[in-house]
Amino acid sequence: MVEDRGALDDVFHALSHDARRSMLRRLAGGELSVGELAAPLHMSLAAASKHVRVLEQAGLVQRTVTGRRHVCRLRPRPLSDAMAWLRFYEGFWDARLDALEHVLGPPHPSASEETP
């Protein structure tokens, strides 16, 4: 399981905002400039740049500056670490729900399945 709690906190913080999740989704298709990331979100370049900075701090995005053009690229490794953390708890909840299902017993037949 992931040991670097600070990095994991940064990833989940970055994923907590819809605009940043949208940016990551679009970056999965390839590199985009900050302006291209901002356009469909109807936000200023300054606001988009602040969101990109949060993504960079979490290690999810790498920004390359060429002149005035800032191009962003997805770095998926931190997402993989977050998924590993979530998978651990998926097993925990699967076991708990299976135990609950066992306690509650089999589902009762619906009225349409009952025979007269």
PDB file of N, CA and C in Angstrom:
ATOM      1  N   MET A   1       0.837  -1.170   0.000  1.00  0.00           N
ATOM      2  CA  MET A   1       0.000   0.000   0.000  1.00  0.00           C
ATOM      3  C   MET A   1       0.885   1.238   0.000  1.00  0.00           C
ATOM      4  N   VAL A   2       0.361   2.350  -0.451  1.00  0.00           N
ATOM      5  CA  VAL A   2       1.112   3.596  -0.571  1.00  0.00           C
ATOM      6  C   VAL A   2       1.529   4.089   0.809  1.00  0.00           C
ATOM      7  N   GLU A   3       2.777   4.456   0.962  1.00  0.00           N
ATOM      8  CA  GLU A   3       3.289   4.899   2.253  1.00  0.00           C
ATOM      9  C   GLU A   3       3.387   6.416   2.371  1.00  0.00           C
ATOM     10  N   ASP A   4       3.559   7.125   1.273  1.00  0.00           N
ATOM     11  CA  ASP A   4       3.752   8.572   1.309  1.00  0.00           C
ATOM     12  C   ASP A   4       2.409   9.270   1.474  1.00  0.00           C
ATOM     13  N   ARG A   5       2.017   9.490   2.720  1.00  0.00           N
ATOM     14  CA  ARG A   5       0.701  10.068   3.013  1.00  0.00           C
ATOM     15  C   ARG A   5       0.563  11.484   2.480  1.00  0.00           C
ATOM     16  N   GLY A   6       1.634  12.269   2.533  1.00  0.00           N
ATOM     17  CA  GLY A   6       1.579  13.640   2.038  1.00  0.00           C
ATOM     18  C   GLY A   6       1.261  13.674   0.550  1.00  0.00           C
ATOM     19  N   ALA A   7       1.903  12.797  -0.204  1.00  0.00           N
ATOM     20  CA  ALA A   7       1.661  12.742  -1.649  1.00  0.00           C
ATOM     21  C   ALA A   7       0.240  12.288  -1.936  1.00  0.00           C
ATOM     22  N   LEU A   8      -0.239  11.315  -1.185  1.00  0.00           N
ATOM     23  CA  LEU A   8      -1.600  10.822  -1.364  1.00  0.00           C
ATOM     24  C   LEU A   8      -2.616  11.910  -1.012  1.00  0.00           C
ATOM     25  N   ASP A   9      -2.345  12.661   0.042  1.00  0.00           N
ATOM     26  CA  ASP A   9      -3.220  13.788   0.404  1.00  0.00           C
ATOM     27  C   ASP A   9      -3.280  14.801  -0.733  1.00  0.00           C
ATOM     28  N   ASP A  10      -2.125  15.074  -1.337  1.00  0.00           N
ATOM     29  CA  ASP A  10      -2.081  16.030  -2.447  1.00  0.00           C
ATOM     30  C   ASP A  10      -2.902  15.536  -3.639  1.00  0.00           C
ATOM     31  N   VAL A  11      -2.832  14.242  -3.919  1.00  0.00           N
ATOM     32  CA  VAL A  11      -3.589  13.676  -5.045  1.00  0.00           C
ATOM     33  C   VAL A  11      -5.086  13.804  -4.786  1.00  0.00           C
ATOM     34  N   PHE A  12      -5.526  13.397  -3.596  1.00  0.00           N
ATOM     35  CA  PHE A  12      -6.958  13.471  -3.310  1.00  0.00           C
ATOM     36  C   PHE A  12      -7.439  14.922  -3.236  1.00  0.00           C
ATOM     37  N   HIS A  13      -6.593  15.826  -2.758  1.00  0.00           N
ATOM     38  CA  HIS A  13      -6.957  17.252  -2.781  1.00  0.00           C
ATOM     39  C   HIS A  13      -7.117  17.723  -4.228  1.00  0.00           C
ATOM     40  N   ALA A  14      -6.187  17.342  -5.085  1.00  0.00           N
ATOM     41  CA  ALA A  14      -6.260  17.745  -6.494  1.00  0.00           C
ATOM     42  C   ALA A  14      -7.513  17.191  -7.154  1.00  0.00           C
ATOM     43  N   LEU A  15      -7.889  15.971  -6.808  1.00  0.00           N
ATOM     44  CA  LEU A  15      -9.067  15.339  -7.409  1.00  0.00           C
ATOM     45  C   LEU A  15     -10.382  15.853  -6.820  1.00  0.00           C
ATOM     46  N   SER A  16     -10.300  16.643  -5.767  1.00  0.00           N
ATOM     47  CA  SER A  16     -11.521  17.090  -5.082  1.00  0.00           C
ATOM     48  C   SER A  16     -12.283  18.177  -5.835  1.00  0.00           C
ATOM     49  N   HIS A  17     -11.689  18.758  -6.853  1.00  0.00           N
ATOM     50  CA  HIS A  17     -12.348  19.836  -7.598  1.00  0.00           C
ATOM     51  C   HIS A  17     -12.711  19.360  -9.006  1.00  0.00           C
ATOM     52  N   ASP A  18     -13.953  19.613  -9.397  1.00  0.00           N
ATOM     53  CA  ASP A  18     -14.446  19.157 -10.701  1.00  0.00           C
ATOM     54  C   ASP A  18     -13.622  19.706 -11.868  1.00  0.00           C
ATOM     55  N   ALA A  19     -13.190  20.949 -11.779  1.00  0.00           N
ATOM     56  CA  ALA A  19     -12.407  21.539 -12.876  1.00  0.00           C
ATOM     57  C   ALA A  19     -11.096  20.783 -13.066  1.00  0.00           C
ATOM     58  N   ARG A  20     -10.463  20.419 -11.960  1.00  0.00           N
ATOM     59  CA  ARG A  20      -9.189  19.683 -12.071  1.00  0.00           C
ATOM     60  C   ARG A  20      -9.414  18.268 -12.592  1.00  0.00           C
ATOM     61  N   ARG A  21     -10.510  17.625 -12.165  1.00  0.00           N
ATOM     62  CA  ARG A  21     -10.815  16.293 -12.711  1.00  0.00           C
ATOM     63  C   ARG A  21     -11.073  16.380 -14.209  1.00  0.00           C
ATOM     64  N   SER A  22     -11.754  17.433 -14.640  1.00  0.00           N
ATOM     65  CA  SER A  22     -12.015  17.632 -16.065  1.00  0.00           C
ATOM     66  C   SER A  22     -10.702  17.830 -16.828  1.00  0.00           C
ATOM     67  N   MET A  23      -9.803  18.595 -16.258  1.00  0.00           N
ATOM     68  CA  MET A  23      -8.506  18.816 -16.898  1.00  0.00           C
ATOM     69  C   MET A  23      -7.745  17.505 -17.058  1.00  0.00           C
ATOM     70  N   LEU A  24      -7.731  16.698 -16.008  1.00  0.00           N
ATOM     71  CA  LEU A  24      -7.030  15.413 -16.082  1.00  0.00           C
ATOM     72  C   LEU A  24      -7.650  14.501 -17.127  1.00  0.00           C
ATOM     73  N   ARG A  25      -8.975  14.483 -17.167  1.00  0.00           N
ATOM     74  CA  ARG A  25      -9.678  13.638 -18.146  1.00  0.00           C
ATOM     75  C   ARG A  25      -9.261  14.018 -19.560  1.00  0.00           C
ATOM     76  N   ARG A  26      -9.180  15.330 -19.827  1.00  0.00           N
ATOM     77  CA  ARG A  26      -8.819  15.781 -21.173  1.00  0.00           C
ATOM     78  C   ARG A  26      -7.334  15.577 -21.461  1.00  0.00           C
ATOM     79  N   LEU A  27      -6.498  15.686 -20.430  1.00  0.00           N
ATOM     80  CA  LEU A  27      -5.066  15.448 -20.630  1.00  0.00           C
ATOM     81  C   LEU A  27      -4.766  13.979 -20.916  1.00  0.00           C
ATOM     82  N   ALA A  28      -5.674  13.093 -20.552  1.00  0.00           N
ATOM     83  CA  ALA A  28      -5.478  11.673 -20.874  1.00  0.00           C
ATOM     84  C   ALA A  28      -5.454  11.467 -22.383  1.00  0.00           C
ATOM     85  N   GLY A  29      -6.026  12.394 -23.130  1.00  0.00           N
ATOM     86  CA  GLY A  29      -6.023  12.307 -24.588  1.00  0.00           C
ATOM     87  C   GLY A  29      -4.783  12.909 -25.228  1.00  0.00           C
ATOM     88  N   GLY A  30      -3.938  13.552 -24.449  1.00  0.00           N
ATOM     89  CA  GLY A  30      -2.713  14.146 -24.989  1.00  0.00           C
ATOM     90  C   GLY A  30      -2.439  15.506 -24.380  1.00  0.00           C
ATOM     91  N   GLU A  31      -1.302  16.075 -24.747  1.00  0.00           N
ATOM     92  CA  GLU A  31      -0.863  17.364 -24.213  1.00  0.00           C
ATOM     93  C   GLU A  31      -1.825  18.475 -24.609  1.00  0.00           C
ATOM     94  N   LEU A  32      -2.012  19.436 -23.690  1.00  0.00           N
ATOM     95  CA  LEU A  32      -2.830  20.625 -23.948  1.00  0.00           C
ATOM     96  C   LEU A  32      -2.183  21.819 -23.280  1.00  0.00           C
ATOM     97  N   SER A  33      -2.401  22.982 -23.863  1.00  0.00           N
ATOM     98  CA  SER A  33      -1.912  24.201 -23.234  1.00  0.00           C
ATOM     99  C   SER A  33      -2.864  24.588 -22.103  1.00  0.00           C
ATOM    100  N   VAL A  34      -2.413  25.454 -21.226  1.00  0.00           N
ATOM    101  CA  VAL A  34      -3.268  25.928 -20.133  1.00  0.00           C
ATOM    102  C   VAL A  34      -4.497  26.625 -20.710  1.00  0.00           C
ATOM    103  N   GLY A  35      -4.332  27.371 -21.798  1.00  0.00           N
ATOM    104  CA  GLY A  35      -5.465  28.023 -22.452  1.00  0.00           C
ATOM    105  C   GLY A  35      -6.477  27.016 -22.981  1.00  0.00           C
ATOM    106  N   GLU A  36      -5.975  25.922 -23.548  1.00  0.00           N
ATOM    107  CA  GLU A  36      -6.871  24.871 -24.045  1.00  0.00           C
ATOM    108  C   GLU A  36      -7.596  24.168 -22.895  1.00  0.00           C
ATOM    109  N   LEU A  37      -6.931  24.048 -21.760  1.00  0.00           N
ATOM    110  CA  LEU A  37      -7.573  23.459 -20.586  1.00  0.00           C
ATOM    111  C   LEU A  37      -8.644  24.389 -20.015  1.00  0.00           C
ATOM    112  N   ALA A  38      -8.403  25.690 -20.103  1.00  0.00           N
ATOM    113  CA  ALA A  38      -9.334  26.677 -19.537  1.00  0.00           C
ATOM    114  C   ALA A  38     -10.573  26.867 -20.394  1.00  0.00           C
ATOM    115  N   ALA A  39     -10.442  26.795 -21.698  1.00  0.00           N
ATOM    116  CA  ALA A  39     -11.524  27.171 -22.623  1.00  0.00           C
ATOM    117  C   ALA A  39     -12.863  26.487 -22.349  1.00  0.00           C
ATOM    118  N   PRO A  40     -12.952  25.162 -22.303  1.00  0.00           N
ATOM    119  CA  PRO A  40     -14.270  24.549 -22.100  1.00  0.00           C
ATOM    120  C   PRO A  40     -14.826  24.762 -20.690  1.00  0.00           C
ATOM    121  N   LEU A  41     -13.976  25.182 -19.767  1.00  0.00           N
ATOM    122  CA  LEU A  41     -14.415  25.395 -18.385  1.00  0.00           C
ATOM    123  C   LEU A  41     -14.882  26.828 -18.154  1.00  0.00           C
ATOM    124  N   HIS A  42     -14.757  27.652 -19.182  1.00  0.00           N
ATOM    125  CA  HIS A  42     -15.174  29.053 -19.109  1.00  0.00           C
ATOM    126  C   HIS A  42     -14.554  29.752 -17.898  1.00  0.00           C
ATOM    127  N   MET A  43     -13.241  29.616 -17.781  1.00  0.00           N
ATOM    128  CA  MET A  43     -12.522  30.287 -16.702  1.00  0.00           C
ATOM    129  C   MET A  43     -11.343  31.051 -17.285  1.00  0.00           C
ATOM    130  N   SER A  44     -10.861  31.992 -16.531  1.00  0.00           N
ATOM    131  CA  SER A  44      -9.740  32.800 -16.984  1.00  0.00           C
ATOM    132  C   SER A  44      -8.470  31.957 -17.034  1.00  0.00           C
ATOM    133  N   LEU A  45      -7.505  32.461 -17.769  1.00  0.00           N
ATOM    134  CA  LEU A  45      -6.218  31.791 -17.852  1.00  0.00           C
ATOM    135  C   LEU A  45      -5.554  31.744 -16.475  1.00  0.00           C
ATOM    136  N   ALA A  46      -5.718  32.803 -15.693  1.00  0.00           N
ATOM    137  CA  ALA A  46      -5.137  32.847 -14.344  1.00  0.00           C
ATOM    138  C   ALA A  46      -5.760  31.774 -13.451  1.00  0.00           C
ATOM    139  N   ALA A  47      -7.068  31.605 -13.515  1.00  0.00           N
ATOM    140  CA  ALA A  47      -7.744  30.590 -12.698  1.00  0.00           C
ATOM    141  C   ALA A  47      -7.310  29.191 -13.128  1.00  0.00           C
ATOM    142  N   ALA A  48      -7.236  28.966 -14.432  1.00  0.00           N
ATOM    143  CA  ALA A  48      -6.807  27.662 -14.938  1.00  0.00           C
ATOM    144  C   ALA A  48      -5.375  27.365 -14.499  1.00  0.00           C
ATOM    145  N   SER A  49      -4.536  28.378 -14.527  1.00  0.00           N
ATOM    146  CA  SER A  49      -3.144  28.203 -14.125  1.00  0.00           C
ATOM    147  C   SER A  49      -3.047  27.803 -12.649  1.00  0.00           C
ATOM    148  N   LYS A  50      -3.917  28.371 -11.806  1.00  0.00           N
ATOM    149  CA  LYS A  50      -3.924  27.992 -10.389  1.00  0.00           C
ATOM    150  C   LYS A  50      -4.331  26.530 -10.221  1.00  0.00           C
ATOM    151  N   HIS A  51      -5.308  26.082 -10.992  1.00  0.00           N
ATOM    152  CA  HIS A  51      -5.717  24.680 -10.932  1.00  0.00           C
ATOM    153  C   HIS A  51      -4.593  23.772 -11.422  1.00  0.00           C
ATOM    154  N   VAL A  52      -3.914  24.171 -12.480  1.00  0.00           N
ATOM    155  CA  VAL A  52      -2.796  23.381 -12.998  1.00  0.00           C
ATOM    156  C   VAL A  52      -1.693  23.303 -11.945  1.00  0.00           C
ATOM    157  N   ARG A  53      -1.474  24.380 -11.212  1.00  0.00           N
ATOM    158  CA  ARG A  53      -0.447  24.386 -10.168  1.00  0.00           C
ATOM    159  C   ARG A  53      -0.770  23.337  -9.096  1.00  0.00           C
ATOM    160  N   VAL A  54      -2.042  23.216  -8.719  1.00  0.00           N
ATOM    161  CA  VAL A  54      -2.443  22.198  -7.740  1.00  0.00           C
ATOM    162  C   VAL A  54      -2.166  20.797  -8.297  1.00  0.00           C
ATOM    163  N   LEU A  55      -2.488  20.598  -9.570  1.00  0.00           N
ATOM    164  CA  LEU A  55      -2.229  19.304 -10.216  1.00  0.00           C
ATOM    165  C   LEU A  55      -0.735  19.010 -10.280  1.00  0.00           C
ATOM    166  N   GLU A  56       0.069  20.045 -10.535  1.00  0.00           N
ATOM    167  CA  GLU A  56       1.529  19.873 -10.564  1.00  0.00           C
ATOM    168  C   GLU A  56       2.052  19.489  -9.184  1.00  0.00           C
ATOM    169  N   GLN A  57       1.561  20.173  -8.147  1.00  0.00           N
ATOM    170  CA  GLN A  57       2.021  19.896  -6.781  1.00  0.00           C
ATOM    171  C   GLN A  57       1.706  18.459  -6.370  1.00  0.00           C
ATOM    172  N   ALA A  58       0.625  17.910  -6.915  1.00  0.00           N
ATOM    173  CA  ALA A  58       0.259  16.525  -6.627  1.00  0.00           C
ATOM    174  C   ALA A  58       1.030  15.549  -7.508  1.00  0.00           C
ATOM    175  N   GLY A  59       1.812  16.062  -8.456  1.00  0.00           N
ATOM    176  CA  GLY A  59       2.578  15.207  -9.354  1.00  0.00           C
ATOM    177  C   GLY A  59       1.766  14.626 -10.492  1.00  0.00           C
ATOM    178  N   LEU A  60       0.545  15.137 -10.683  1.00  0.00           N
ATOM    179  CA  LEU A  60      -0.346  14.599 -11.716  1.00  0.00           C
ATOM    180  C   LEU A  60      -0.120  15.212 -13.089  1.00  0.00           C
ATOM    181  N   VAL A  61       0.513  16.377 -13.118  1.00  0.00           N
ATOM    182  CA  VAL A  61       0.716  17.107 -14.373  1.00  0.00           C
ATOM    183  C   VAL A  61       2.143  17.620 -14.422  1.00  0.00           C
ATOM    184  N   GLN A  62       2.721  17.569 -15.604  1.00  0.00           N
ATOM    185  CA  GLN A  62       4.022  18.185 -15.854  1.00  0.00           C
ATOM    186  C   GLN A  62       3.786  19.317 -16.838  1.00  0.00           C
ATOM    187  N   ARG A  63       4.260  20.505 -16.475  1.00  0.00           N
ATOM    188  CA  ARG A  63       4.083  21.672 -17.334  1.00  0.00           C
ATOM    189  C   ARG A  63       5.426  22.026 -17.962  1.00  0.00           C
ATOM    190  N   THR A  64       5.408  22.245 -19.284  1.00  0.00           N
ATOM    191  CA  THR A  64       6.591  22.671 -20.021  1.00  0.00           C
ATOM    192  C   THR A  64       6.315  24.062 -20.564  1.00  0.00           C
ATOM    193  N   VAL A  65       7.255  24.965 -20.338  1.00  0.00           N
ATOM    194  CA  VAL A  65       7.083  26.343 -20.786  1.00  0.00           C
ATOM    195  C   VAL A  65       8.008  26.604 -21.967  1.00  0.00           C
ATOM    196  N   THR A  66       7.397  27.018 -23.075  1.00  0.00           N
ATOM    197  CA  THR A  66       8.142  27.406 -24.260  1.00  0.00           C
ATOM    198  C   THR A  66       7.667  28.808 -24.625  1.00  0.00           C
ATOM    199  N   GLY A  67       8.499  29.786 -24.315  1.00  0.00           N
ATOM    200  CA  GLY A  67       8.074  31.170 -24.524  1.00  0.00           C
ATOM    201  C   GLY A  67       6.918  31.482 -23.596  1.00  0.00           C
ATOM    202  N   ARG A  68       5.804  31.904 -24.183  1.00  0.00           N
ATOM    203  CA  ARG A  68       4.613  32.216 -23.380  1.00  0.00           C
ATOM    204  C   ARG A  68       3.631  31.043 -23.332  1.00  0.00           C
ATOM    205  N   ARG A  69       3.961  29.988 -24.026  1.00  0.00           N
ATOM    206  CA  ARG A  69       3.051  28.832 -24.108  1.00  0.00           C
ATOM    207  C   ARG A  69       3.397  27.812 -23.013  1.00  0.00           C
ATOM    208  N   HIS A  70       2.397  27.494 -22.201  1.00  0.00           N
ATOM    209  CA  HIS A  70       2.548  26.504 -21.138  1.00  0.00           C
ATOM    210  C   HIS A  70       1.784  25.251 -21.561  1.00  0.00           C
ATOM    211  N   VAL A  71       2.509  24.165 -21.795  1.00  0.00           N
ATOM    212  CA  VAL A  71       1.899  22.915 -22.250  1.00  0.00           C
ATOM    213  C   VAL A  71       1.926  21.917 -21.096  1.00  0.00           C
ATOM    214  N   CYS A  72       0.785  21.263 -20.884  1.00  0.00           N
ATOM    215  CA  CYS A  72       0.638  20.317 -19.780  1.00  0.00           C
ATOM    216  C   CYS A  72       0.538  18.892 -20.299  1.00  0.00           C
ATOM    217  N   ARG A  73       1.105  17.985 -19.520  1.00  0.00           N
ATOM    218  CA  ARG A  73       1.084  16.560 -19.856  1.00  0.00           C
ATOM    219  C   ARG A  73       0.694  15.791 -18.595  1.00  0.00           C
ATOM    220  N   LEU A  74      -0.151  14.778 -18.757  1.00  0.00           N
ATOM    221  CA  LEU A  74      -0.582  13.940 -17.648  1.00  0.00           C
ATOM    222  C   LEU A  74       0.554  13.058 -17.172  1.00  0.00           C
ATOM    223  N   ARG A  75       0.707  12.958 -15.858  1.00  0.00           N
ATOM    224  CA  ARG A  75       1.640  12.014 -15.228  1.00  0.00           C
ATOM    225  C   ARG A  75       0.790  11.067 -14.392  1.00  0.00           C
ATOM    226  N   PRO A  76       0.501   9.876 -14.897  1.00  0.00           N
ATOM    227  CA  PRO A  76      -0.485   8.997 -14.257  1.00  0.00           C
ATOM    228  C   PRO A  76      -0.025   8.254 -13.003  1.00  0.00           C
ATOM    229  N   ARG A  77       1.243   8.237 -12.700  1.00  0.00           N
ATOM    230  CA  ARG A  77       1.737   7.440 -11.565  1.00  0.00           C
ATOM    231  C   ARG A  77       1.014   7.754 -10.247  1.00  0.00           C
ATOM    232  N   PRO A  78       0.837   9.016  -9.877  1.00  0.00           N
ATOM    233  CA  PRO A  78       0.130   9.283  -8.614  1.00  0.00           C
ATOM    234  C   PRO A  78      -1.310   8.753  -8.610  1.00  0.00           C
ATOM    235  N   LEU A  79      -1.960   8.701  -9.770  1.00  0.00           N
ATOM    236  CA  LEU A  79      -3.303   8.117  -9.847  1.00  0.00           C
ATOM    237  C   LEU A  79      -3.237   6.624  -9.551  1.00  0.00           C
ATOM    238  N   SER A  80      -2.191   5.978 -10.017  1.00  0.00           N
ATOM    239  CA  SER A  80      -1.996   4.560  -9.756  1.00  0.00           C
ATOM    240  C   SER A  80      -1.816   4.314  -8.262  1.00  0.00           C
ATOM    241  N   ASP A  81      -1.070   5.178  -7.599  1.00  0.00           N
ATOM    242  CA  ASP A  81      -0.872   5.053  -6.153  1.00  0.00           C
ATOM    243  C   ASP A  81      -2.195   5.237  -5.407  1.00  0.00           C
ATOM    244  N   ALA A  82      -3.018   6.190  -5.844  1.00  0.00           N
ATOM    245  CA  ALA A  82      -4.323   6.417  -5.213  1.00  0.00           C
ATOM    246  C   ALA A  82      -5.231   5.206  -5.431  1.00  0.00           C
ATOM    247  N   MET A  83      -5.191   4.628  -6.626  1.00  0.00           N
ATOM    248  CA  MET A  83      -6.002   3.442  -6.906  1.00  0.00           C
ATOM    249  C   MET A  83      -5.573   2.272  -6.022  1.00  0.00           C
ATOM    250  N   ALA A  84      -4.289   2.115  -5.796  1.00  0.00           N
ATOM    251  CA  ALA A  84      -3.805   1.040  -4.918  1.00  0.00           C
ATOM    252  C   ALA A  84      -4.345   1.230  -3.511  1.00  0.00           C
ATOM    253  N   TRP A  85      -4.367   2.458  -3.035  1.00  0.00           N
ATOM    254  CA  TRP A  85      -4.908   2.754  -1.707  1.00  0.00           C
ATOM    255  C   TRP A  85      -6.399   2.425  -1.660  1.00  0.00           C
ATOM    256  N   LEU A  86      -7.137   2.810  -2.686  1.00  0.00           N
ATOM    257  CA  LEU A  86      -8.574   2.541  -2.740  1.00  0.00           C
ATOM    258  C   LEU A  86      -8.859   1.047  -2.851  1.00  0.00           C
ATOM    259  N   ARG A  87      -8.042   0.311  -3.608  1.00  0.00           N
ATOM    260  CA  ARG A  87      -8.244  -1.130  -3.765  1.00  0.00           C
ATOM    261  C   ARG A  87      -8.168  -1.862  -2.433  1.00  0.00           C
ATOM    262  N   PHE A  88      -7.283  -1.425  -1.552  1.00  0.00           N
ATOM    263  CA  PHE A  88      -7.184  -2.020  -0.230  1.00  0.00           C
ATOM    264  C   PHE A  88      -8.531  -1.926   0.480  1.00  0.00           C
ATOM    265  N   TYR A  89      -9.159  -0.781   0.441  1.00  0.00           N
ATOM    266  CA  TYR A  89     -10.437  -0.589   1.124  1.00  0.00           C
ATOM    267  C   TYR A  89     -11.595  -1.229   0.376  1.00  0.00           C
ATOM    268  N   GLU A  90     -11.435  -1.440  -0.910  1.00  0.00           N
ATOM    269  CA  GLU A  90     -12.456  -2.158  -1.671  1.00  0.00           C
ATOM    270  C   GLU A  90     -12.581  -3.584  -1.129  1.00  0.00           C
ATOM    271  N   GLY A  91     -11.471  -4.234  -0.861  1.00  0.00           N
ATOM    272  CA  GLY A  91     -11.496  -5.571  -0.280  1.00  0.00           C
ATOM    273  C   GLY A  91     -12.121  -5.570   1.102  1.00  0.00           C
ATOM    274  N   PHE A  92     -11.810  -4.565   1.890  1.00  0.00           N
ATOM    275  CA  PHE A  92     -12.385  -4.437   3.224  1.00  0.00           C
ATOM    276  C   PHE A  92     -13.908  -4.342   3.139  1.00  0.00           C
ATOM    277  N   TRP A  93     -14.401  -3.472   2.272  1.00  0.00           N
ATOM    278  CA  TRP A  93     -15.851  -3.294   2.174  1.00  0.00           C
ATOM    279  C   TRP A  93     -16.536  -4.491   1.531  1.00  0.00           C
ATOM    280  N   ASP A  94     -15.888  -5.134   0.574  1.00  0.00           N
ATOM    281  CA  ASP A  94     -16.459  -6.347  -0.011  1.00  0.00           C
ATOM    282  C   ASP A  94     -16.673  -7.402   1.071  1.00  0.00           C
ATOM    283  N   ALA A  95     -15.677  -7.592   1.934  1.00  0.00           N
ATOM    284  CA  ALA A  95     -15.789  -8.584   3.011  1.00  0.00           C
ATOM    285  C   ALA A  95     -16.908  -8.205   3.975  1.00  0.00           C
ATOM    286  N   ARG A  96     -17.004  -6.926   4.311  1.00  0.00           N
ATOM    287  CA  ARG A  96     -18.056  -6.470   5.236  1.00  0.00           C
ATOM    288  C   ARG A  96     -19.444  -6.661   4.634  1.00  0.00           C
ATOM    289  N   LEU A  97     -19.595  -6.334   3.375  1.00  0.00           N
ATOM    290  CA  LEU A  97     -20.899  -6.471   2.728  1.00  0.00           C
ATOM    291  C   LEU A  97     -21.277  -7.939   2.553  1.00  0.00           C
ATOM    292  N   ASP A  98     -20.285  -8.789   2.282  1.00  0.00           N
ATOM    293  CA  ASP A  98     -20.561 -10.226   2.189  1.00  0.00           C
ATOM    294  C   ASP A  98     -21.032 -10.758   3.544  1.00  0.00           C
ATOM    295  N   ALA A  99     -20.394 -10.303   4.620  1.00  0.00           N
ATOM    296  CA  ALA A  99     -20.801 -10.737   5.961  1.00  0.00           C
ATOM    297  C   ALA A  99     -22.218 -10.256   6.279  1.00  0.00           C
ATOM    298  N   LEU A 100     -22.536  -9.042   5.901  1.00  0.00           N
ATOM    299  CA  LEU A 100     -23.878  -8.508   6.124  1.00  0.00           C
ATOM    300  C   LEU A 100     -24.915  -9.309   5.338  1.00  0.00           C
ATOM    301  N   GLU A 101     -24.593  -9.637   4.109  1.00  0.00           N
ATOM    302  CA  GLU A 101     -25.494 -10.430   3.282  1.00  0.00           C
ATOM    303  C   GLU A 101     -25.725 -11.806   3.924  1.00  0.00           C
ATOM    304  N   HIS A 102     -24.686 -12.378   4.488  1.00  0.00           N
ATOM    305  CA  HIS A 102     -24.810 -13.674   5.152  1.00  0.00           C
ATOM    306  C   HIS A 102     -25.730 -13.570   6.374  1.00  0.00           C
ATOM    307  N   VAL A 103     -25.599 -12.510   7.146  1.00  0.00           N
ATOM    308  CA  VAL A 103     -26.435 -12.303   8.327  1.00  0.00           C
ATOM    309  C   VAL A 103     -27.891 -12.076   7.934  1.00  0.00           C
ATOM    310  N   LEU A 104     -28.104 -11.308   6.901  1.00  0.00           N
ATOM    311  CA  LEU A 104     -29.467 -10.997   6.485  1.00  0.00           C
ATOM    312  C   LEU A 104     -30.144 -12.167   5.793  1.00  0.00           C
ATOM    313  N   GLY A 105     -29.381 -13.084   5.282  1.00  0.00           N
ATOM    314  CA  GLY A 105     -29.938 -14.250   4.615  1.00  0.00           C
ATOM    315  C   GLY A 105     -30.259 -13.979   3.171  1.00  0.00           C
ATOM    316  N   PRO A 106     -30.799 -15.008   2.507  1.00  0.00           N
ATOM    317  CA  PRO A 106     -31.114 -14.837   1.082  1.00  0.00           C
ATOM    318  C   PRO A 106     -32.250 -13.831   0.904  1.00  0.00           C
ATOM    319  N   PRO A 107     -32.294 -13.183  -0.236  1.00  0.00           N
ATOM    320  CA  PRO A 107     -33.363 -12.211  -0.480  1.00  0.00           C
ATOM    321  C   PRO A 107     -34.717 -12.917  -0.518  1.00  0.00           C
ATOM    322  N   HIS A 108     -35.731 -12.215  -0.037  1.00  0.00           N
ATOM    323  CA  HIS A 108     -37.095 -12.754  -0.050  1.00  0.00           C
ATOM    324  C   HIS A 108     -37.641 -12.663  -1.451  1.00  0.00           C
ATOM    325  N   PRO A 109     -38.423 -13.667  -1.875  1.00  0.00           N
ATOM    326  CA  PRO A 109     -38.999 -13.599  -3.237  1.00  0.00           C
ATOM    327  C   PRO A 109     -40.005 -12.445  -3.304  1.00  0.00           C
ATOM    328  N   SER A 110     -40.038 -11.814  -4.452  1.00  0.00           N
ATOM    329  CA  SER A 110     -40.987 -10.716  -4.629  1.00  0.00           C
ATOM    330  C   SER A 110     -42.386 -11.272  -4.781  1.00  0.00           C
ATOM    331  N   ALA A 111     -43.378 -10.421  -4.689  1.00  0.00           N
ATOM    332  CA  ALA A 111     -44.773 -10.845  -4.768  1.00  0.00           C
ATOM    333  C   ALA A 111     -45.064 -11.547  -6.099  1.00  0.00           C
ATOM    334  N   SER A 112     -44.419 -11.111  -7.172  1.00  0.00           N
ATOM    335  CA  SER A 112     -44.683 -11.719  -8.479  1.00  0.00           C
ATOM    336  C   SER A 112     -44.065 -13.106  -8.592  1.00  0.00           C
ATOM    337  N   GLU A 113     -43.054 -13.420  -7.755  1.00  0.00           N
ATOM    338  CA  GLU A 113     -42.409 -14.716  -7.818  1.00  0.00           C
ATOM    339  C   GLU A 113     -43.070 -15.744  -6.915  1.00  0.00           C
ATOM    340  N   GLU A 114     -43.911 -15.295  -5.983  1.00  0.00           N
ATOM    341  CA  GLU A 114     -44.569 -16.204  -5.060  1.00  0.00           C
ATOM    342  C   GLU A 114     -45.647 -16.994  -5.783  1.00  0.00           C
ATOM    343  N   THR A 115     -45.786 -18.247  -5.414  1.00  0.00           N
ATOM    344  CA  THR A 115     -46.837 -19.083  -6.001  1.00  0.00           C
ATOM    345  C   THR A 115     -48.048 -19.095  -5.080  1.00  0.00           C
ATOM    346  N   PRO A 116     -49.259 -19.136  -5.623  1.00  0.00           N
ATOM    347  CA  PRO A 116     -50.467 -19.119  -4.774  1.00  0.00           C
ATOM    348  C   PRO A 116     -50.678 -20.390  -4.007  1.00  0.00           C
TER     349      PRO A 116
END
